[in-house]
PDB file of all heavy atoms in Angstrom:
ATOM      1  N   ALA A   1      88.944 100.052  56.428  1.00  0.00           N
ATOM      2  CA  ALA A   1      87.637  99.242  56.230  1.00  0.00           C
ATOM      3  C   ALA A   1      87.291  99.260  54.769  1.00  0.00           C
ATOM      4  O   ALA A   1      87.516 100.109  54.017  1.00  0.00           O
ATOM      5  CB  ALA A   1      86.471 100.004  56.971  1.00  0.00           C
ATOM      6  N   VAL A   2      86.756  98.067  54.411  1.00  0.00           N
ATOM      7  CA  VAL A   2      86.305  97.846  53.059  1.00  0.00           C
ATOM      8  C   VAL A   2      84.991  97.340  52.982  1.00  0.00           C
ATOM      9  O   VAL A   2      84.498  96.711  53.949  1.00  0.00           O
ATOM     10  CB  VAL A   2      87.232  96.820  52.208  1.00  0.00           C
ATOM     11  CG1 VAL A   2      88.720  97.470  52.031  1.00  0.00           C
ATOM     12  CG2 VAL A   2      87.197  95.580  52.789  1.00  0.00           C
ATOM     13  N   ASP A   3      84.185  97.612  51.956  1.00  0.00           N
ATOM     14  CA  ASP A   3      82.873  97.078  51.706  1.00  0.00           C
ATOM     15  C   ASP A   3      82.864  95.805  51.046  1.00  0.00           C
ATOM     16  O   ASP A   3      82.003  94.872  51.315  1.00  0.00           O
ATOM     17  CB  ASP A   3      82.012  97.999  50.980  1.00  0.00           C
ATOM     18  CG  ASP A   3      81.928  99.405  51.645  1.00  0.00           C
ATOM     19  OD1 ASP A   3      81.644  99.421  52.802  1.00  0.00           O
ATOM     20  OD2 ASP A   3      82.024 100.462  50.922  1.00  0.00           O
ATOM     21  N   ILE A   4      83.786  95.576  50.135  1.00  0.00           N
ATOM     22  CA  ILE A   4      83.865  94.403  49.366  1.00  0.00           C
ATOM     23  C   ILE A   4      85.302  93.848  49.189  1.00  0.00           C
ATOM     24  O   ILE A   4      86.165  94.646  48.885  1.00  0.00           O
ATOM     25  CB  ILE A   4      83.327  94.634  47.939  1.00  0.00           C
ATOM     26  CG1 ILE A   4      81.810  94.972  47.977  1.00  0.00           C
ATOM     27  CG2 ILE A   4      83.540  93.402  46.991  1.00  0.00           C
ATOM     28  CD1 ILE A   4      81.232  95.399  46.659  1.00  0.00           C
ATOM     29  N   LEU A   5      85.463  92.634  49.422  1.00  0.00           N
ATOM     30  CA  LEU A   5      86.805  92.020  49.304  1.00  0.00           C
ATOM     31  C   LEU A   5      86.655  91.150  48.090  1.00  0.00           C
ATOM     32  O   LEU A   5      85.826  90.195  47.913  1.00  0.00           O
ATOM     33  CB  LEU A   5      87.222  91.141  50.469  1.00  0.00           C
ATOM     34  CG  LEU A   5      88.426  90.319  50.374  1.00  0.00           C
ATOM     35  CD1 LEU A   5      89.604  91.272  50.285  1.00  0.00           C
ATOM     36  CD2 LEU A   5      88.563  89.367  51.609  1.00  0.00           C
ATOM     37  N   VAL A   6      87.515  91.386  47.047  1.00  0.00           N
ATOM     38  CA  VAL A   6      87.548  90.648  45.822  1.00  0.00           C
ATOM     39  C   VAL A   6      88.779  89.724  45.869  1.00  0.00           C
ATOM     40  O   VAL A   6      89.858  90.167  46.090  1.00  0.00           O
ATOM     41  CB  VAL A   6      87.626  91.487  44.554  1.00  0.00           C
ATOM     42  CG1 VAL A   6      87.717  90.754  43.303  1.00  0.00           C
ATOM     43  CG2 VAL A   6      86.482  92.450  44.593  1.00  0.00           C
ATOM     44  N   VAL A   7      88.531  88.479  45.764  1.00  0.00           N
ATOM     45  CA  VAL A   7      89.660  87.452  45.812  1.00  0.00           C
ATOM     46  C   VAL A   7      89.949  87.022  44.404  1.00  0.00           C
ATOM     47  O   VAL A   7      89.069  86.408  43.737  1.00  0.00           O
ATOM     48  CB  VAL A   7      89.240  86.246  46.612  1.00  0.00           C
ATOM     49  CG1 VAL A   7      90.414  85.226  46.691  1.00  0.00           C
ATOM     50  CG2 VAL A   7      88.871  86.678  48.130  1.00  0.00           C
ATOM     51  N   GLY A   8      91.077  87.443  43.878  1.00  0.00           N
ATOM     52  CA  GLY A   8      91.517  87.111  42.493  1.00  0.00           C
ATOM     53  C   GLY A   8      91.585  88.309  41.664  1.00  0.00           C
ATOM     54  O   GLY A   8      90.590  89.011  41.544  1.00  0.00           O
ATOM     55  N   ALA A   9      92.715  88.579  41.144  1.00  0.00           N
ATOM     56  CA  ALA A   9      92.960  89.813  40.291  1.00  0.00           C
ATOM     57  C   ALA A   9      92.979  89.488  38.826  1.00  0.00           C
ATOM     58  O   ALA A   9      93.628  90.086  38.032  1.00  0.00           O
ATOM     59  CB  ALA A   9      94.197  90.477  40.716  1.00  0.00           C
ATOM     60  N   GLY A  10      92.176  88.432  38.461  1.00  0.00           N
ATOM     61  CA  GLY A  10      92.004  88.108  37.005  1.00  0.00           C
ATOM     62  C   GLY A  10      90.925  88.985  36.398  1.00  0.00           C
ATOM     63  O   GLY A  10      90.535  90.071  36.983  1.00  0.00           O
ATOM     64  N   THR A  11      90.478  88.680  35.215  1.00  0.00           N
ATOM     65  CA  THR A  11      89.633  89.415  34.476  1.00  0.00           C
ATOM     66  C   THR A  11      88.321  89.698  35.239  1.00  0.00           C
ATOM     67  O   THR A  11      87.801  90.821  35.336  1.00  0.00           O
ATOM     68  CB  THR A  11      89.286  88.834  33.056  1.00  0.00           C
ATOM     69  OG1 THR A  11      90.549  88.541  32.448  1.00  0.00           O
ATOM     70  CG2 THR A  11      88.534  89.630  32.141  1.00  0.00           C
ATOM     71  N   THR A  12      87.743  88.556  35.741  1.00  0.00           N
ATOM     72  CA  THR A  12      86.421  88.640  36.419  1.00  0.00           C
ATOM     73  C   THR A  12      86.597  89.550  37.708  1.00  0.00           C
ATOM     74  O   THR A  12      85.756  90.403  37.905  1.00  0.00           O
ATOM     75  CB  THR A  12      85.966  87.289  36.825  1.00  0.00           C
ATOM     76  OG1 THR A  12      85.751  86.601  35.581  1.00  0.00           O
ATOM     77  CG2 THR A  12      84.594  87.327  37.473  1.00  0.00           C
ATOM     78  N   GLY A  13      87.670  89.189  38.537  1.00  0.00           N
ATOM     79  CA  GLY A  13      87.809  89.922  39.841  1.00  0.00           C
ATOM     80  C   GLY A  13      88.018  91.422  39.543  1.00  0.00           C
ATOM     81  O   GLY A  13      87.442  92.294  40.278  1.00  0.00           O
ATOM     82  N   LEU A  14      88.842  91.783  38.617  1.00  0.00           N
ATOM     83  CA  LEU A  14      89.073  93.189  38.412  1.00  0.00           C
ATOM     84  C   LEU A  14      87.849  93.924  37.799  1.00  0.00           C
ATOM     85  O   LEU A  14      87.623  95.030  38.144  1.00  0.00           O
ATOM     86  CB  LEU A  14      90.243  93.399  37.452  1.00  0.00           C
ATOM     87  CG  LEU A  14      91.696  93.000  38.050  1.00  0.00           C
ATOM     88  CD1 LEU A  14      92.786  93.174  37.051  1.00  0.00           C
ATOM     89  CD2 LEU A  14      91.972  93.708  39.343  1.00  0.00           C
ATOM     90  N   SER A  15      87.040  93.275  37.046  1.00  0.00           N
ATOM     91  CA  SER A  15      85.846  93.853  36.557  1.00  0.00           C
ATOM     92  C   SER A  15      84.821  94.066  37.594  1.00  0.00           C
ATOM     93  O   SER A  15      84.267  95.111  37.652  1.00  0.00           O
ATOM     94  CB  SER A  15      85.226  92.940  35.435  1.00  0.00           C
ATOM     95  OG  SER A  15      86.118  92.883  34.283  1.00  0.00           O
ATOM     96  N   LEU A  16      84.729  93.068  38.531  1.00  0.00           N
ATOM     97  CA  LEU A  16      83.894  93.203  39.592  1.00  0.00           C
ATOM     98  C   LEU A  16      84.328  94.402  40.453  1.00  0.00           C
ATOM     99  O   LEU A  16      83.530  95.225  40.958  1.00  0.00           O
ATOM    100  CB  LEU A  16      83.825  91.963  40.446  1.00  0.00           C
ATOM    101  CG  LEU A  16      83.074  92.090  41.762  1.00  0.00           C
ATOM    102  CD1 LEU A  16      81.612  92.316  41.556  1.00  0.00           C
ATOM    103  CD2 LEU A  16      83.255  90.714  42.496  1.00  0.00           C
ATOM    104  N   ALA A  17      85.621  94.471  40.745  1.00  0.00           N
ATOM    105  CA  ALA A  17      86.094  95.544  41.573  1.00  0.00           C
ATOM    106  C   ALA A  17      85.954  96.871  40.990  1.00  0.00           C
ATOM    107  O   ALA A  17      85.516  97.820  41.589  1.00  0.00           O
ATOM    108  CB  ALA A  17      87.620  95.357  41.743  1.00  0.00           C
ATOM    109  N   LEU A  18      86.129  97.068  39.654  1.00  0.00           N
ATOM    110  CA  LEU A  18      85.781  98.281  38.937  1.00  0.00           C
ATOM    111  C   LEU A  18      84.316  98.724  39.127  1.00  0.00           C
ATOM    112  O   LEU A  18      83.992  99.865  39.351  1.00  0.00           O
ATOM    113  CB  LEU A  18      86.110  98.157  37.417  1.00  0.00           C
ATOM    114  CG  LEU A  18      87.607  98.428  37.056  1.00  0.00           C
ATOM    115  CD1 LEU A  18      87.799  98.044  35.680  1.00  0.00           C
ATOM    116  CD2 LEU A  18      87.980  99.821  37.370  1.00  0.00           C
ATOM    117  N   GLN A  19      83.417  97.730  38.923  1.00  0.00           N
ATOM    118  CA  GLN A  19      82.025  98.041  38.941  1.00  0.00           C
ATOM    119  C   GLN A  19      81.587  98.413  40.423  1.00  0.00           C
ATOM    120  O   GLN A  19      80.862  99.404  40.675  1.00  0.00           O
ATOM    121  CB  GLN A  19      81.152  96.851  38.508  1.00  0.00           C
ATOM    122  CG  GLN A  19      81.188  96.636  37.004  1.00  0.00           C
ATOM    123  CD  GLN A  19      80.186  95.676  36.551  1.00  0.00           C
ATOM    124  OE1 GLN A  19      79.900  94.617  37.158  1.00  0.00           O
ATOM    125  NE2 GLN A  19      79.733  95.816  35.279  1.00  0.00           N
ATOM    126  N   ALA A  20      82.116  97.720  41.368  1.00  0.00           N
ATOM    127  CA  ALA A  20      81.820  97.991  42.771  1.00  0.00           C
ATOM    128  C   ALA A  20      82.265  99.364  43.178  1.00  0.00           C
ATOM    129  O   ALA A  20      81.604 100.214  43.811  1.00  0.00           O
ATOM    130  CB  ALA A  20      82.395  96.914  43.685  1.00  0.00           C
ATOM    131  N   HIS A  21      83.430  99.772  42.760  1.00  0.00           N
ATOM    132  CA  HIS A  21      84.139 100.998  42.939  1.00  0.00           C
ATOM    133  C   HIS A  21      83.288 102.128  42.285  1.00  0.00           C
ATOM    134  O   HIS A  21      82.996 103.221  42.855  1.00  0.00           O
ATOM    135  CB  HIS A  21      85.559 100.996  42.515  1.00  0.00           C
ATOM    136  CG  HIS A  21      86.251 102.369  42.620  1.00  0.00           C
ATOM    137  ND1 HIS A  21      86.676 102.969  43.986  1.00  0.00           N
ATOM    138  CD2 HIS A  21      86.506 103.361  41.852  1.00  0.00           C
ATOM    139  CE1 HIS A  21      87.075 104.080  43.745  1.00  0.00           C
ATOM    140  NE2 HIS A  21      87.069 104.359  42.477  1.00  0.00           N
ATOM    141  N   ASP A  22      82.896 101.792  41.053  1.00  0.00           N
ATOM    142  CA  ASP A  22      82.076 102.811  40.350  1.00  0.00           C
ATOM    143  C   ASP A  22      80.632 103.153  41.031  1.00  0.00           C
ATOM    144  O   ASP A  22      80.147 104.149  40.934  1.00  0.00           O
ATOM    145  CB  ASP A  22      81.734 102.212  38.890  1.00  0.00           C
ATOM    146  CG  ASP A  22      81.132 103.300  37.987  1.00  0.00           C
ATOM    147  OD1 ASP A  22      81.727 104.405  37.904  1.00  0.00           O
ATOM    148  OD2 ASP A  22      80.092 102.937  37.396  1.00  0.00           O
ATOM    149  N   HIS A  23      80.226 102.168  41.785  1.00  0.00           N
ATOM    150  CA  HIS A  23      78.984 102.344  42.643  1.00  0.00           C
ATOM    151  C   HIS A  23      79.269 102.779  44.049  1.00  0.00           C
ATOM    152  O   HIS A  23      78.357 102.780  44.933  1.00  0.00           O
ATOM    153  CB  HIS A  23      78.179 101.014  42.695  1.00  0.00           C
ATOM    154  CG  HIS A  23      77.448 100.790  41.393  1.00  0.00           C
ATOM    155  ND1 HIS A  23      78.136 100.176  40.276  1.00  0.00           N
ATOM    156  CD2 HIS A  23      76.177 100.956  41.009  1.00  0.00           C
ATOM    157  CE1 HIS A  23      77.312 100.055  39.283  1.00  0.00           C
ATOM    158  NE2 HIS A  23      76.095 100.466  39.667  1.00  0.00           N
ATOM    159  N   GLY A  24      80.535 103.234  44.355  1.00  0.00           N
ATOM    160  CA  GLY A  24      80.847 103.869  45.591  1.00  0.00           C
ATOM    161  C   GLY A  24      81.272 102.911  46.645  1.00  0.00           C
ATOM    162  O   GLY A  24      81.557 103.446  47.812  1.00  0.00           O
TER     163      GLY A  24
END
């Protein structure tokens, strides 16, 4: 199970993924 699906591993997608992960 995931809370957030990020489509695209570019700069924006990876930054969003890091921030979401940092918030749990």
